[in-house]
C-alpha atoms as a PDB file:
ATOM      1  CA  MET A   1     160.953 174.040 175.842  1.00  0.00           C
ATOM      2  CA  PRO A   2     160.850 172.258 172.455  1.00  0.00           C
ATOM      3  CA  LYS A   3     157.897 170.204 171.281  1.00  0.00           C
ATOM      4  CA  MET A   4     157.926 166.515 172.141  1.00  0.00           C
ATOM      5  CA  LYS A   5     158.340 164.183 169.197  1.00  0.00           C
ATOM      6  CA  THR A   6     155.863 161.395 168.462  1.00  0.00           C
ATOM      7  CA  HIS A   7     157.402 157.954 167.983  1.00  0.00           C
ATOM      8  CA  ARG A   8     156.331 157.309 164.385  1.00  0.00           C
ATOM      9  CA  GLY A   9     156.631 153.507 164.585  1.00  0.00           C
ATOM     10  CA  THR A  10     154.226 153.438 167.500  1.00  0.00           C
ATOM     11  CA  ALA A  11     151.882 155.933 165.852  1.00  0.00           C
ATOM     12  CA  LYS A  12     151.542 153.632 162.805  1.00  0.00           C
ATOM     13  CA  ARG A  13     150.650 150.601 165.001  1.00  0.00           C
ATOM     14  CA  ILE A  14     148.549 151.978 167.841  1.00  0.00           C
ATOM     15  CA  LYS A  15     145.291 153.931 167.786  1.00  0.00           C
ATOM     16  CA  VAL A  16     143.889 156.032 170.605  1.00  0.00           C
ATOM     17  CA  THR A  17     140.143 155.722 171.218  1.00  0.00           C
ATOM     18  CA  GLY A  18     137.839 158.567 172.128  1.00  0.00           C
ATOM     19  CA  THR A  19     137.958 157.576 175.759  1.00  0.00           C
ATOM     20  CA  GLY A  20     141.754 157.545 175.755  1.00  0.00           C
ATOM     21  CA  LYS A  21     142.370 153.790 175.572  1.00  0.00           C
ATOM     22  CA  TYR A  22     145.086 152.392 173.328  1.00  0.00           C
ATOM     23  CA  VAL A  23     144.112 149.798 170.716  1.00  0.00           C
ATOM     24  CA  ALA A  24     146.477 147.625 168.662  1.00  0.00           C
ATOM     25  CA  LYS A  25     146.400 144.651 166.279  1.00  0.00           C
ATOM     26  CA  HIS A  26     147.460 141.154 167.298  1.00  0.00           C
ATOM     27  CA  SER A  27     150.761 139.872 165.955  1.00  0.00           C
ATOM     28  CA  GLY A  28     151.421 136.492 164.332  1.00  0.00           C
ATOM     29  CA  LYS A  29     148.771 136.567 161.606  1.00  0.00           C
ATOM     30  CA  SER A  30     151.040 136.901 158.525  1.00  0.00           C
ATOM     31  CA  HIS A  31     152.641 133.469 158.076  1.00  0.00           C
ATOM     32  CA  ILE A  32     153.128 129.967 159.584  1.00  0.00           C
ATOM     33  CA  LEU A  33     149.344 129.720 159.963  1.00  0.00           C
ATOM     34  CA  THR A  34     148.912 126.010 159.331  1.00  0.00           C
ATOM     35  CA  LYS A  35     149.962 124.988 162.867  1.00  0.00           C
ATOM     36  CA  LYS A  36     147.636 127.570 164.475  1.00  0.00           C
ATOM     37  CA  THR A  37     144.085 126.548 165.263  1.00  0.00           C
ATOM     38  CA  ARG A  38     141.092 128.270 163.605  1.00  0.00           C
ATOM     39  CA  LYS A  39     139.991 129.583 166.980  1.00  0.00           C
ATOM     40  CA  ARG A  40     143.415 131.192 167.580  1.00  0.00           C
ATOM     41  CA  LYS A  41     143.509 132.754 164.074  1.00  0.00           C
ATOM     42  CA  ASN A  42     140.012 134.151 164.509  1.00  0.00           C
ATOM     43  CA  ARG A  43     140.933 135.769 167.821  1.00  0.00           C
ATOM     44  CA  MET A  44     143.898 137.428 166.142  1.00  0.00           C
ATOM     45  CA  LYS A  45     141.574 139.229 163.669  1.00  0.00           C
ATOM     46  CA  LYS A  46     140.220 141.545 166.325  1.00  0.00           C
ATOM     47  CA  ASP A  47     142.016 144.501 167.807  1.00  0.00           C
ATOM     48  CA  PHE A  48     142.891 144.402 171.475  1.00  0.00           C
ATOM     49  CA  VAL A  49     143.054 147.093 174.153  1.00  0.00           C
ATOM     50  CA  LEU A  50     146.408 147.604 175.817  1.00  0.00           C
ATOM     51  CA  LEU A  51     146.259 147.355 179.586  1.00  0.00           C
ATOM     52  CA  ASP A  52     146.292 150.769 181.197  1.00  0.00           C
ATOM     53  CA  ASN A  53     148.231 149.869 184.271  1.00  0.00           C
ATOM     54  CA  VAL A  54     151.034 148.165 182.302  1.00  0.00           C
ATOM     55  CA  HIS A  55     151.458 150.377 179.141  1.00  0.00           C
ATOM     56  CA  LYS A  56     150.119 153.799 180.150  1.00  0.00           C
ATOM     57  CA  ASN A  57     153.433 155.541 180.998  1.00  0.00           C
ATOM     58  CA  ASP A  58     155.095 154.122 177.823  1.00  0.00           C
ATOM     59  CA  MET A  59     152.281 155.277 175.617  1.00  0.00           C
ATOM     60  CA  ILE A  60     152.235 158.794 177.087  1.00  0.00           C
ATOM     61  CA  ARG A  61     155.974 159.094 176.332  1.00  0.00           C
ATOM     62  CA  LEU A  62     155.721 157.582 172.808  1.00  0.00           C
ATOM     63  CA  LEU A  63     152.446 159.284 171.787  1.00  0.00           C
ATOM     64  CA  PRO A  64     152.469 162.646 173.607  1.00  0.00           C
ATOM     65  CA  TYR A  65     149.716 164.101 171.405  1.00  0.00           C
ATOM     66  CA  GLY A  66     147.529 161.017 171.208  1.00  0.00           C
ATOM     67  CA  VAL A  67     147.974 160.312 167.512  1.00  0.00           C
ATOM     68  CA  GLY A  68     147.405 156.961 165.859  1.00  0.00           C
ATOM     69  CA  ARG A  69     146.506 155.263 162.654  1.00  0.00           C
END
């Protein structure tokens, strides 16, 4: 059985924590910021945890060895 390949695009965008959760950055923070409120832009600064029940099977397939940035 050959080794599974890591999806490199996902590996550059998603980090795996020590407890096995997946953490990513918010999108929409690069341009067209004038119409967004300060509260909304400040919330986008922080990383967010991907929901286990929704994304777990996809992340196992894309990141079989738990790599990340």
